[in-house]
C-alpha atoms as a PDB file:
ATOM      1  CA  MET A   1      37.624 -23.032 -92.173  1.00  0.00           C
ATOM      2  CA  SER A   2      33.659 -22.640 -91.860  1.00  0.00           C
ATOM      3  CA  ASP A   3      32.795 -19.204 -94.410  1.00  0.00           C
ATOM      4  CA  LYS A   4      29.977 -17.975 -90.829  1.00  0.00           C
ATOM      5  CA  ASP A   5      31.140 -15.567 -88.528  1.00  0.00           C
ATOM      6  CA  PHE A   6      32.152 -15.545 -85.180  1.00  0.00           C
ATOM      7  CA  ASN A   7      28.707 -14.956 -83.913  1.00  0.00           C
ATOM      8  CA  GLU A   8      26.675 -17.906 -85.799  1.00  0.00           C
ATOM      9  CA  LEU A   9      29.317 -20.320 -84.598  1.00  0.00           C
ATOM     10  CA  TYR A  10      29.553 -19.437 -81.519  1.00  0.00           C
ATOM     11  CA  LYS A  11      25.012 -19.408 -81.152  1.00  0.00           C
ATOM     12  CA  GLU A  12      25.236 -23.054 -83.145  1.00  0.00           C
ATOM     13  CA  LEU A  13      27.354 -23.672 -80.039  1.00  0.00           C
ATOM     14  CA  GLU A  14      25.385 -22.111 -77.641  1.00  0.00           C
ATOM     15  CA  LYS A  15      22.419 -25.080 -79.466  1.00  0.00           C
ATOM     16  CA  ILE A  16      24.331 -27.735 -79.010  1.00  0.00           C
ATOM     17  CA  VAL A  17      25.231 -27.287 -74.895  1.00  0.00           C
ATOM     18  CA  GLU A  18      21.819 -26.583 -74.433  1.00  0.00           C
ATOM     19  CA  GLN A  19      20.617 -29.693 -76.418  1.00  0.00           C
ATOM     20  CA  LEU A  20      24.048 -31.811 -74.182  1.00  0.00           C
ATOM     21  CA  GLU A  21      22.772 -30.078 -71.100  1.00  0.00           C
ATOM     22  CA  LYS A  22      18.717 -31.198 -71.539  1.00  0.00           C
ATOM     23  CA  GLY A  23      20.209 -34.506 -71.207  1.00  0.00           C
ATOM     24  CA  GLU A  24      17.600 -35.662 -73.252  1.00  0.00           C
ATOM     25  CA  LEU A  25      20.139 -37.603 -76.267  1.00  0.00           C
ATOM     26  CA  SER A  26      20.934 -41.011 -76.450  1.00  0.00           C
ATOM     27  CA  LEU A  27      24.448 -41.697 -76.087  1.00  0.00           C
ATOM     28  CA  GLU A  28      25.428 -42.335 -79.486  1.00  0.00           C
ATOM     29  CA  GLU A  29      23.452 -38.510 -80.469  1.00  0.00           C
ATOM     30  CA  ALA A  30      24.902 -37.219 -77.515  1.00  0.00           C
ATOM     31  CA  VAL A  31      28.768 -37.979 -78.521  1.00  0.00           C
ATOM     32  CA  LYS A  32      27.910 -37.485 -82.070  1.00  0.00           C
ATOM     33  CA  THR A  33      26.833 -33.921 -80.843  1.00  0.00           C
ATOM     34  CA  TYR A  34      29.590 -32.923 -78.317  1.00  0.00           C
ATOM     35  CA  THR A  35      32.435 -33.862 -81.313  1.00  0.00           C
ATOM     36  CA  GLN A  36      29.942 -31.205 -83.673  1.00  0.00           C
ATOM     37  CA  GLY A  37      30.465 -29.026 -80.175  1.00  0.00           C
ATOM     38  CA  HIS A  38      34.363 -29.317 -79.809  1.00  0.00           C
ATOM     39  CA  GLU A  39      34.862 -28.540 -83.542  1.00  0.00           C
ATOM     40  CA  LEU A  40      32.612 -25.438 -82.835  1.00  0.00           C
ATOM     41  CA  ILE A  41      35.341 -24.986 -80.696  1.00  0.00           C
ATOM     42  CA  LYS A  42      38.525 -25.336 -82.817  1.00  0.00           C
ATOM     43  CA  GLN A  43      36.820 -22.851 -85.626  1.00  0.00           C
ATOM     44  CA  LEU A  44      36.025 -20.540 -82.904  1.00  0.00           C
ATOM     45  CA  ASN A  45      39.290 -21.228 -81.194  1.00  0.00           C
ATOM     46  CA  GLU A  46      41.406 -20.049 -85.205  1.00  0.00           C
ATOM     47  CA  LYS A  47      38.970 -17.237 -85.030  1.00  0.00           C
ATOM     48  CA  LEU A  48      40.122 -15.364 -82.263  1.00  0.00           C
ATOM     49  CA  GLU A  49      43.246 -16.389 -82.572  1.00  0.00           C
ATOM     50  CA  LYS A  50      43.627 -14.817 -86.137  1.00  0.00           C
ATOM     51  CA  ALA A  51      41.492 -11.603 -84.592  1.00  0.00           C
ATOM     52  CA  ARG A  52      44.037 -11.611 -82.021  1.00  0.00           C
ATOM     53  CA  GLU A  53      46.894 -11.120 -84.744  1.00  0.00           C
ATOM     54  CA  LYS A  54      45.389  -8.265 -86.126  1.00  0.00           C
ATOM     55  CA  MET A  55      45.003  -6.738 -83.168  1.00  0.00           C
ATOM     56  CA  VAL A  56      48.819  -7.109 -82.501  1.00  0.00           C
ATOM     57  CA  VAL A  57      49.639  -5.918 -86.126  1.00  0.00           C
ATOM     58  CA  THR A  58      47.767  -3.693 -86.603  1.00  0.00           C
ATOM     59  CA  GLY A  59      49.258  -2.030 -82.829  1.00  0.00           C
ATOM     60  CA  LYS A  60      52.698  -2.137 -84.149  1.00  0.00           C
ATOM     61  CA  SER A  61      51.941  -0.748 -87.329  1.00  0.00           C
ATOM     62  CA  GLU A  62      50.095   2.635 -84.913  1.00  0.00           C
ATOM     63  CA  LEU A  63      53.485   1.910 -83.105  1.00  0.00           C
ATOM     64  CA  LYS A  64      56.182   2.645 -85.984  1.00  0.00           C
ATOM     65  CA  GLU A  65      54.034   5.803 -86.982  1.00  0.00           C
ATOM     66  CA  MET A  66      54.154   7.466 -83.644  1.00  0.00           C
END
């Protein structure tokens, strides 16, 4: 997984989306760029899942303290 934080990865994904939306890439470049974007999405989803799990664990430990 990337050492970049969520915001850095998200900004990279935004740039990729902009490139694809412009429609100026060759087919090969578009496929390569799309693949890079797909990998970024997977990394972002992993970071979100880890954050969600951390929140669930934190919430459970707070309930035990009550």
